[in-house]
């Protein structure tokens, strides 16, 4: 009897993107260098995130960085380093998170990148519109997509399963 597996549309897109990126072969040293630089940038981005080093974290972003929220909606996109810094201040107040099992990918020219990882966290302080926080822990798979410009992150879009998070924090 055949086994049927369902793949979430976001996961399917992420896997296809990674497959395309991994098949893109470099044609010159410049292209290989672009990929290596972007992969290094993404590793530094997540290292700064894990360390809670917001000065370094924010220094890796363009001034006009676009940050796309997981669930979309009216306020889905934040534009500018100041808006992202404000978002991160709220996140750091409400959550303590660490990246685990990080894998980064980049296109040959380094203009785009992606990351796959797990986020392990603790819900510290109630975030507006969400269930009450009481130190609940969670563990979620995450996919992130990046546009890179002038050696910095110009766009980041993160995807995770909000319903799974809500279940894990007891909503």
Protein backbone atom coordinates (compact mmCIF):
# COMPACT_ATOMS: atom_id res chain seq x y z
CA UNK A 1 0.00 0.00 0.00
CA UNK A 2 1.54 3.40 -0.95
CA UNK A 3 2.31 5.87 1.83
CA UNK A 4 1.03 9.40 1.30
CA UNK A 5 2.90 12.26 2.96
CA UNK A 6 1.55 15.79 3.21
CA UNK A 7 4.04 18.64 2.99
CA UNK A 8 3.12 22.12 4.21
CA UNK A 9 3.24 24.60 1.27
CA UNK A 10 5.87 26.74 3.01
CA UNK A 11 8.07 23.71 3.66
CA UNK A 12 7.63 22.60 0.05
CA UNK A 13 8.71 26.05 -1.22
CA UNK A 14 11.67 26.06 1.19
CA UNK A 15 12.83 22.62 0.06
CA UNK A 16 12.55 23.58 -3.62
CA UNK A 17 14.46 26.80 -2.99
CA UNK A 18 17.23 24.92 -1.22
CA UNK A 19 17.40 22.35 -4.01
CA UNK A 20 17.75 25.08 -6.63
CA UNK A 21 20.39 26.90 -4.58
CA UNK A 22 22.40 23.74 -4.02
CA UNK A 23 22.37 22.94 -7.75
CA UNK A 24 23.60 26.38 -8.76
CA UNK A 25 27.24 25.85 -9.61
CA UNK A 26 29.76 28.65 -9.41
CA UNK A 27 31.22 29.73 -12.68
CA UNK A 28 34.02 31.89 -11.31
CA UNK A 29 35.84 32.69 -8.11
CA UNK A 30 33.69 35.80 -7.70
CA UNK A 31 30.50 33.77 -7.57
CA UNK A 32 31.96 31.31 -5.07
CA UNK A 33 33.13 34.23 -2.97
CA UNK A 34 29.63 35.76 -3.02
CA UNK A 35 28.10 32.53 -1.73
CA UNK A 36 30.75 32.19 0.98
CA UNK A 37 30.32 35.81 2.09
CA UNK A 38 26.54 35.45 2.36
CA UNK A 39 26.76 32.17 4.26
CA UNK A 40 29.25 33.81 6.66
CA UNK A 41 26.94 36.84 7.07
CA UNK A 42 24.01 34.59 7.95
CA UNK A 43 26.08 32.65 10.50
CA UNK A 44 27.18 35.95 12.11
CA UNK A 45 23.54 37.16 12.10
CA UNK A 46 22.39 34.10 14.06
CA UNK A 47 25.45 34.12 16.35
CA UNK A 48 24.66 37.73 17.32
CA UNK A 49 20.99 36.77 17.82
CA UNK A 50 21.96 33.87 20.10
CA UNK A 51 24.38 36.05 22.07
CA UNK A 52 21.74 38.77 22.52
CA UNK A 53 24.25 41.18 20.94
CA UNK A 54 21.78 43.59 19.36
CA UNK A 55 24.49 46.10 18.38
CA UNK A 56 26.24 43.51 16.22
CA UNK A 57 22.92 42.03 15.06
CA UNK A 58 21.61 45.41 13.87
CA UNK A 59 24.97 46.32 12.27
CA UNK A 60 24.44 43.41 9.85
CA UNK A 61 21.28 45.04 8.42
CA UNK A 62 20.88 47.71 5.75
CA UNK A 63 19.29 50.96 6.95
CA UNK A 64 16.19 50.16 4.86
CA UNK A 65 15.93 46.48 5.85
CA UNK A 66 12.54 44.87 5.27
CA UNK A 67 11.34 42.39 7.88
CA UNK A 68 8.34 40.28 6.91
CA UNK A 69 6.29 38.76 9.72
CA UNK A 70 5.39 35.10 9.78
CA UNK A 71 1.61 35.41 9.59
CA UNK A 72 1.27 38.36 7.20
CA UNK A 73 -1.64 40.73 7.66
CA UNK A 74 -1.92 44.49 7.76
CA UNK A 75 1.31 45.10 9.69
CA UNK A 76 3.23 42.24 8.10
CA UNK A 77 6.21 44.25 6.85
CA UNK A 78 8.46 46.43 8.97
CA UNK A 79 10.82 48.66 7.02
CA UNK A 80 13.96 50.23 8.41
CA UNK A 81 16.56 49.35 10.98
CA UNK A 82 14.74 51.35 13.68
CA UNK A 83 11.50 49.40 13.15
CA UNK A 84 13.41 46.11 13.28
CA UNK A 85 15.25 47.23 16.45
CA UNK A 86 11.91 48.04 18.09
CA UNK A 87 10.54 44.62 17.10
CA UNK A 88 13.63 42.90 18.51
CA UNK A 89 13.40 44.86 21.79
CA UNK A 90 9.84 43.54 22.26
CA UNK A 91 10.91 40.02 21.29
CA UNK A 92 13.84 40.08 23.73
CA UNK A 93 11.52 41.27 26.52
CA UNK A 94 8.87 38.60 25.89
CA UNK A 95 10.96 35.63 24.74
CA UNK A 96 14.34 34.02 25.35
CA UNK A 97 15.26 32.07 22.21
CA UNK A 98 18.23 30.12 20.89
CA UNK A 99 18.90 28.81 17.39
CA UNK A 100 19.71 25.10 17.12
CA UNK A 101 20.84 22.95 14.17
CA UNK A 102 21.47 25.94 11.89
CA UNK A 103 22.02 25.25 8.18
CA UNK A 104 22.56 28.17 5.80
CA UNK A 105 22.36 28.31 2.02
CA UNK A 106 23.17 31.03 -0.52
CA UNK A 107 22.88 31.56 -4.23
CA UNK A 108 26.13 31.48 -6.17
CA UNK A 109 26.22 35.28 -6.47
CA UNK A 110 25.37 35.75 -2.78
CA UNK A 111 22.34 37.97 -3.49
CA UNK A 112 19.93 35.63 -1.67
CA UNK A 113 20.22 33.26 1.22
CA UNK A 114 18.16 30.92 3.32
CA UNK A 115 18.44 29.27 6.71
CA UNK A 116 16.80 26.26 8.28
CA UNK A 117 16.95 25.74 12.03
CA UNK A 118 15.02 24.99 15.19
CA UNK A 119 14.21 27.72 17.66
CA UNK A 120 14.16 26.69 21.31
CA UNK A 121 12.56 29.27 23.51
CA UNK A 122 10.92 30.33 26.73
CA UNK A 123 7.86 32.59 26.79
CA UNK A 124 8.77 35.10 29.52
CA UNK A 125 6.32 38.02 29.38
CA UNK A 126 2.86 38.11 27.80
CA UNK A 127 3.05 39.50 24.26
CA UNK A 128 0.09 41.65 23.13
CA UNK A 129 -2.73 39.59 21.65
CA UNK A 130 -1.17 36.26 22.63
CA UNK A 131 -1.79 33.83 25.52
CA UNK A 132 -0.52 34.63 28.99
CA UNK A 133 3.15 33.88 29.56
CA UNK A 134 4.24 31.76 32.51
CA UNK A 135 7.66 30.49 31.48
CA UNK A 136 6.38 27.98 28.92
CA UNK A 137 9.01 26.43 26.66
CA UNK A 138 8.72 25.68 22.96
CA UNK A 139 10.70 24.16 20.11
CA UNK A 140 9.82 25.02 16.51
CA UNK A 141 11.28 24.41 13.06
CA UNK A 142 11.94 27.69 11.23
CA UNK A 143 12.73 28.65 7.65
CA UNK A 144 14.16 32.08 6.85
CA UNK A 145 14.79 33.80 3.52
CA UNK A 146 17.13 36.71 2.93
CA UNK A 147 18.02 39.30 0.31
CA UNK A 148 21.56 40.61 0.62
CA UNK A 149 22.81 44.00 -0.56
CA UNK A 150 26.30 45.47 -0.10
CA UNK A 151 27.24 42.69 2.32
CA UNK A 152 24.25 43.27 4.64
CA UNK A 153 20.79 41.81 5.15
CA UNK A 154 18.30 43.89 3.13
CA UNK A 155 15.27 41.61 3.71
CA UNK A 156 14.47 38.78 6.08
CA UNK A 157 11.30 36.70 6.06
CA UNK A 158 10.80 34.05 8.74
CA UNK A 159 8.34 31.17 8.63
CA UNK A 160 7.30 28.95 11.51
CA UNK A 161 4.10 27.18 12.56
CA UNK A 162 2.20 29.60 14.82
CA UNK A 163 -0.44 26.97 15.63
CA UNK A 164 2.27 24.64 16.93
CA UNK A 165 3.67 27.46 19.07
CA UNK A 166 0.21 28.18 20.48
CA UNK A 167 -0.25 24.49 21.34
CA UNK A 168 3.15 24.35 23.01
CA UNK A 169 2.44 27.37 25.22
CA UNK A 170 -0.95 25.95 26.19
CA UNK A 171 -3.33 28.22 24.28
